Amino acid sequence: MADESAAQASSNDVGGIAADQLRSFIERIERLEEEKANIASDIKDVYAEAKSSGFDTKIMRQIIRIRKMEPHERAEQEELLDLYLSAVGY
């Protein structure tokens, strides 16, 4: 019985690493990477659709970046932009 559990442990552990657990993590990451690639492709398609409808995708990306910001970060960035524009005569 002890030999059986030692044999099972050795098939799951390779060089002190839990092989089954490691394989599970790797496979999960691979699936998520595949999903991420699919989502990136979908996003690219939406931008292409927006562009074909006449929208400026560069501005859309900027809006999305701004919307991700916390309100105080956005306000600080706008204040700095105004300051810099004023400093260069705009």
N, C-alpha and C. Protein backbone atom coordinates (compact mmCIF):
# COMPACT_ATOMS: atom_id res chain seq x y z
N MET A 1 0.83 -1.19 0.00
CA MET A 1 0.00 0.00 0.00
C MET A 1 0.88 1.25 0.00
N ALA A 2 1.94 1.24 0.80
CA ALA A 2 2.85 2.38 0.85
C ALA A 2 3.55 2.53 -0.49
N ASP A 3 3.88 1.39 -1.12
CA ASP A 3 4.52 1.46 -2.43
C ASP A 3 3.58 2.07 -3.46
N GLU A 4 2.28 1.77 -3.36
CA GLU A 4 1.29 2.30 -4.31
C GLU A 4 1.18 3.81 -4.17
N SER A 5 1.12 4.32 -2.94
CA SER A 5 1.02 5.76 -2.78
C SER A 5 2.30 6.47 -3.15
N ALA A 6 3.43 5.82 -2.96
CA ALA A 6 4.70 6.40 -3.38
C ALA A 6 4.76 6.46 -4.91
N ALA A 7 4.25 5.41 -5.56
CA ALA A 7 4.23 5.40 -7.03
C ALA A 7 3.30 6.49 -7.57
N GLN A 8 2.15 6.67 -6.89
CA GLN A 8 1.21 7.71 -7.32
C GLN A 8 1.83 9.09 -7.12
N ALA A 9 2.47 9.31 -6.00
CA ALA A 9 3.11 10.60 -5.72
C ALA A 9 4.20 10.88 -6.74
N SER A 10 4.96 9.84 -7.10
CA SER A 10 6.05 10.07 -8.05
C SER A 10 5.52 10.36 -9.44
N SER A 11 4.33 9.87 -9.79
CA SER A 11 3.78 10.18 -11.12
C SER A 11 3.22 11.60 -11.15
N ASN A 12 2.83 12.12 -10.01
CA ASN A 12 2.31 13.49 -9.94
C ASN A 12 3.39 14.51 -9.65
N ASP A 13 4.48 14.09 -9.03
CA ASP A 13 5.56 15.00 -8.68
C ASP A 13 6.77 14.70 -9.56
N VAL A 14 7.28 15.73 -10.17
CA VAL A 14 8.48 15.57 -11.00
C VAL A 14 9.48 16.60 -10.50
N GLY A 15 10.56 16.11 -9.97
CA GLY A 15 11.59 17.01 -9.45
C GLY A 15 11.08 17.91 -8.35
N GLY A 16 10.16 17.40 -7.54
CA GLY A 16 9.62 18.19 -6.45
C GLY A 16 8.51 19.13 -6.87
N ILE A 17 8.07 19.04 -8.14
CA ILE A 17 7.00 19.90 -8.65
C ILE A 17 5.73 19.07 -8.83
N ALA A 18 4.62 19.60 -8.38
CA ALA A 18 3.33 18.93 -8.55
C ALA A 18 2.93 19.05 -10.02
N ALA A 19 3.26 18.05 -10.83
CA ALA A 19 3.10 18.11 -12.28
C ALA A 19 1.65 18.33 -12.71
N ASP A 20 0.72 17.65 -12.07
CA ASP A 20 -0.69 17.80 -12.45
C ASP A 20 -1.18 19.22 -12.20
N GLN A 21 -0.80 19.77 -11.06
CA GLN A 21 -1.21 21.14 -10.73
C GLN A 21 -0.58 22.14 -11.70
N LEU A 22 0.70 21.95 -12.00
CA LEU A 22 1.39 22.82 -12.95
C LEU A 22 0.74 22.74 -14.32
N ARG A 23 0.46 21.53 -14.79
CA ARG A 23 -0.19 21.33 -16.08
C ARG A 23 -1.54 22.04 -16.10
N SER A 24 -2.28 21.95 -15.01
CA SER A 24 -3.59 22.61 -14.92
C SER A 24 -3.45 24.12 -15.04
N PHE A 25 -2.47 24.70 -14.35
CA PHE A 25 -2.24 26.14 -14.46
C PHE A 25 -1.88 26.54 -15.88
N ILE A 26 -0.98 25.79 -16.49
CA ILE A 26 -0.54 26.08 -17.86
C ILE A 26 -1.72 26.01 -18.82
N GLU A 27 -2.53 24.99 -18.71
CA GLU A 27 -3.68 24.83 -19.61
C GLU A 27 -4.70 25.94 -19.41
N ARG A 28 -4.92 26.35 -18.16
CA ARG A 28 -5.84 27.46 -17.90
C ARG A 28 -5.33 28.75 -18.52
N ILE A 29 -4.03 29.01 -18.36
CA ILE A 29 -3.44 30.21 -18.94
C ILE A 29 -3.55 30.18 -20.46
N GLU A 30 -3.30 29.02 -21.06
CA GLU A 30 -3.40 28.90 -22.51
C GLU A 30 -4.82 29.19 -22.99
N ARG A 31 -5.81 28.68 -22.27
CA ARG A 31 -7.21 28.95 -22.64
C ARG A 31 -7.52 30.44 -22.52
N LEU A 32 -7.05 31.07 -21.45
CA LEU A 32 -7.29 32.50 -21.26
C LEU A 32 -6.57 33.33 -22.33
N GLU A 33 -5.36 32.92 -22.70
CA GLU A 33 -4.64 33.62 -23.78
C GLU A 33 -5.40 33.52 -25.09
N GLU A 34 -5.98 32.36 -25.35
CA GLU A 34 -6.78 32.18 -26.57
C GLU A 34 -8.02 33.08 -26.53
N GLU A 35 -8.68 33.12 -25.37
CA GLU A 35 -9.85 34.00 -25.22
C GLU A 35 -9.45 35.46 -25.40
N LYS A 36 -8.29 35.83 -24.84
CA LYS A 36 -7.80 37.21 -24.96
C LYS A 36 -7.55 37.57 -26.42
N ALA A 37 -6.97 36.63 -27.17
CA ALA A 37 -6.72 36.87 -28.60
C ALA A 37 -8.04 37.03 -29.35
N ASN A 38 -9.03 36.22 -29.00
CA ASN A 38 -10.34 36.33 -29.64
C ASN A 38 -11.00 37.67 -29.32
N ILE A 39 -10.89 38.09 -28.09
CA ILE A 39 -11.47 39.38 -27.68
C ILE A 39 -10.74 40.52 -28.39
N ALA A 40 -9.41 40.45 -28.48
CA ALA A 40 -8.65 41.49 -29.18
C ALA A 40 -9.09 41.57 -30.64
N SER A 41 -9.33 40.43 -31.24
CA SER A 41 -9.80 40.40 -32.63
C SER A 41 -11.18 41.03 -32.75
N ASP A 42 -12.05 40.73 -31.79
CA ASP A 42 -13.40 41.32 -31.78
C ASP A 42 -13.33 42.84 -31.64
N ILE A 43 -12.45 43.32 -30.76
CA ILE A 43 -12.28 44.76 -30.56
C ILE A 43 -11.80 45.41 -31.85
N LYS A 44 -10.83 44.78 -32.50
CA LYS A 44 -10.32 45.28 -33.77
C LYS A 44 -11.45 45.38 -34.80
N ASP A 45 -12.31 44.38 -34.83
CA ASP A 45 -13.45 44.38 -35.76
C ASP A 45 -14.41 45.53 -35.47
N VAL A 46 -14.64 45.82 -34.19
CA VAL A 46 -15.53 46.92 -33.81
C VAL A 46 -14.94 48.25 -34.25
N TYR A 47 -13.63 48.43 -34.04
CA TYR A 47 -12.96 49.66 -34.49
C TYR A 47 -13.07 49.79 -36.01
N ALA A 48 -12.89 48.70 -36.73
CA ALA A 48 -12.99 48.74 -38.19
C ALA A 48 -14.41 49.11 -38.62
N GLU A 49 -15.39 48.58 -37.92
CA GLU A 49 -16.79 48.90 -38.22
C GLU A 49 -17.06 50.38 -37.95
N ALA A 50 -16.55 50.88 -36.82
CA ALA A 50 -16.73 52.29 -36.48
C ALA A 50 -16.06 53.18 -37.52
N LYS A 51 -14.86 52.80 -37.95
CA LYS A 51 -14.13 53.58 -38.95
C LYS A 51 -14.90 53.60 -40.27
N SER A 52 -15.46 52.47 -40.66
CA SER A 52 -16.22 52.42 -41.91
C SER A 52 -17.51 53.24 -41.82
N SER A 53 -17.95 53.52 -40.59
CA SER A 53 -19.13 54.36 -40.39
C SER A 53 -18.75 55.84 -40.28
N GLY A 54 -17.45 56.13 -40.42
CA GLY A 54 -17.00 57.52 -40.44
C GLY A 54 -16.46 58.05 -39.12
N PHE A 55 -16.33 57.22 -38.12
CA PHE A 55 -15.80 57.67 -36.83
C PHE A 55 -14.29 57.63 -36.82
N ASP A 56 -13.68 58.55 -36.07
CA ASP A 56 -12.24 58.62 -35.93
C ASP A 56 -11.84 57.67 -34.79
N THR A 57 -11.21 56.57 -35.13
CA THR A 57 -10.90 55.56 -34.12
C THR A 57 -9.82 56.02 -33.14
N LYS A 58 -8.94 56.92 -33.59
CA LYS A 58 -7.93 57.46 -32.68
C LYS A 58 -8.61 58.21 -31.53
N ILE A 59 -9.61 58.99 -31.86
CA ILE A 59 -10.36 59.74 -30.84
C ILE A 59 -11.16 58.77 -29.97
N MET A 60 -11.72 57.75 -30.58
CA MET A 60 -12.46 56.75 -29.79
C MET A 60 -11.55 56.09 -28.76
N ARG A 61 -10.33 55.75 -29.18
CA ARG A 61 -9.36 55.13 -28.25
C ARG A 61 -9.03 56.08 -27.10
N GLN A 62 -8.91 57.37 -27.44
CA GLN A 62 -8.61 58.37 -26.41
C GLN A 62 -9.77 58.47 -25.42
N ILE A 63 -11.00 58.44 -25.93
CA ILE A 63 -12.17 58.50 -25.04
C ILE A 63 -12.20 57.29 -24.11
N ILE A 64 -11.90 56.13 -24.66
CA ILE A 64 -11.90 54.91 -23.83
C ILE A 64 -10.83 55.01 -22.76
N ARG A 65 -9.64 55.53 -23.12
CA ARG A 65 -8.57 55.70 -22.15
C ARG A 65 -8.99 56.66 -21.04
N ILE A 66 -9.64 57.76 -21.43
CA ILE A 66 -10.09 58.76 -20.46
C ILE A 66 -11.16 58.17 -19.53
N ARG A 67 -12.08 57.42 -20.11
CA ARG A 67 -13.17 56.84 -19.30
C ARG A 67 -12.66 55.83 -18.27
N LYS A 68 -11.48 55.25 -18.52
CA LYS A 68 -10.90 54.30 -17.56
C LYS A 68 -10.28 55.01 -16.36
N MET A 69 -10.00 56.31 -16.51
CA MET A 69 -9.32 57.06 -15.45
C MET A 69 -10.26 57.36 -14.29
N GLU A 70 -9.64 57.49 -13.14
CA GLU A 70 -10.36 57.98 -11.97
C GLU A 70 -10.61 59.47 -12.19
N PRO A 71 -11.72 60.02 -11.67
CA PRO A 71 -12.03 61.44 -11.89
C PRO A 71 -10.90 62.38 -11.48
N HIS A 72 -10.25 62.11 -10.35
CA HIS A 72 -9.17 63.00 -9.92
C HIS A 72 -7.96 62.93 -10.86
N GLU A 73 -7.69 61.75 -11.42
CA GLU A 73 -6.59 61.63 -12.38
C GLU A 73 -6.91 62.40 -13.66
N ARG A 74 -8.15 62.31 -14.08
CA ARG A 74 -8.57 63.02 -15.29
C ARG A 74 -8.46 64.53 -15.08
N ALA A 75 -8.94 65.00 -13.94
CA ALA A 75 -8.88 66.44 -13.64
C ALA A 75 -7.44 66.92 -13.59
N GLU A 76 -6.57 66.13 -12.98
CA GLU A 76 -5.16 66.50 -12.89
C GLU A 76 -4.53 66.57 -14.28
N GLN A 77 -4.85 65.60 -15.13
CA GLN A 77 -4.31 65.59 -16.49
C GLN A 77 -4.82 66.80 -17.29
N GLU A 78 -6.10 67.12 -17.14
CA GLU A 78 -6.66 68.27 -17.85
C GLU A 78 -6.02 69.58 -17.37
N GLU A 79 -5.77 69.70 -16.05
CA GLU A 79 -5.12 70.89 -15.52
C GLU A 79 -3.70 71.03 -16.07
N LEU A 80 -2.97 69.92 -16.11
CA LEU A 80 -1.61 69.96 -16.66
C LEU A 80 -1.62 70.31 -18.15
N LEU A 81 -2.56 69.75 -18.87
CA LEU A 81 -2.67 70.06 -20.30
C LEU A 81 -2.93 71.55 -20.50
N ASP A 82 -3.87 72.10 -19.73
CA ASP A 82 -4.16 73.55 -19.81
C ASP A 82 -2.93 74.38 -19.47
N LEU A 83 -2.22 73.97 -18.42
CA LEU A 83 -1.01 74.68 -18.01
C LEU A 83 0.04 74.66 -19.11
N TYR A 84 0.28 73.49 -19.68
CA TYR A 84 1.29 73.35 -20.74
C TYR A 84 0.89 74.12 -21.98
N LEU A 85 -0.39 74.06 -22.36
CA LEU A 85 -0.85 74.79 -23.52
C LEU A 85 -0.67 76.30 -23.31
N SER A 86 -0.99 76.76 -22.10
CA SER A 86 -0.80 78.17 -21.76
C SER A 86 0.67 78.56 -21.83
N ALA A 87 1.53 77.67 -21.38
CA ALA A 87 2.96 77.96 -21.37
C ALA A 87 3.54 78.09 -22.77
N VAL A 88 2.94 77.40 -23.74
CA VAL A 88 3.45 77.48 -25.11
C VAL A 88 2.63 78.42 -25.97
N GLY A 89 1.74 79.18 -25.34
CA GLY A 89 1.01 80.23 -26.04
C GLY A 89 -0.31 79.82 -26.69
N TYR A 90 -0.92 78.77 -26.23
CA TYR A 90 -2.23 78.38 -26.78
C TYR A 90 -3.33 78.70 -25.80
